[in-house]
């Protein structure tokens, strides 16, 4: 779920990073 966020704050960036890492791991895992 990659959407255009308005960069709320550091927390938002961290959350996005976590989601990105999860997605990447899933893609590489398949």
Protein backbone atom coordinates (compact mmCIF):
# COMPACT_ATOMS: atom_id res chain seq x y z
CA UNK A 1 0.00 0.00 0.00
CA UNK A 2 2.21 2.81 -1.23
CA UNK A 3 0.31 6.10 -1.17
CA UNK A 4 1.44 9.70 -1.40
CA UNK A 5 1.63 10.79 2.22
CA UNK A 6 2.11 14.39 3.30
CA UNK A 7 5.20 13.56 5.38
CA UNK A 8 3.41 14.07 8.72
CA UNK A 9 6.52 13.69 10.87
CA UNK A 10 9.45 11.43 11.73
CA UNK A 11 7.01 8.82 13.01
CA UNK A 12 5.33 8.78 9.61
CA UNK A 13 8.66 8.31 7.87
CA UNK A 14 9.60 5.49 10.22
CA UNK A 15 6.24 3.81 9.61
CA UNK A 16 6.66 4.13 5.85
CA UNK A 17 10.16 2.68 6.10
CA UNK A 18 8.84 -0.28 8.08
CA UNK A 19 6.13 -0.87 5.49
CA UNK A 20 8.61 -0.55 2.64
CA UNK A 21 10.99 -3.03 4.29
CA UNK A 22 8.10 -5.46 4.80
CA UNK A 23 7.00 -5.14 1.18
CA UNK A 24 10.56 -5.56 -0.10
CA UNK A 25 11.10 -8.62 2.12
CA UNK A 26 7.85 -10.14 0.85
CA UNK A 27 8.80 -9.46 -2.77
CA UNK A 28 12.28 -10.94 -2.29
CA UNK A 29 10.85 -13.84 -0.27
CA UNK A 30 8.55 -14.93 -3.10
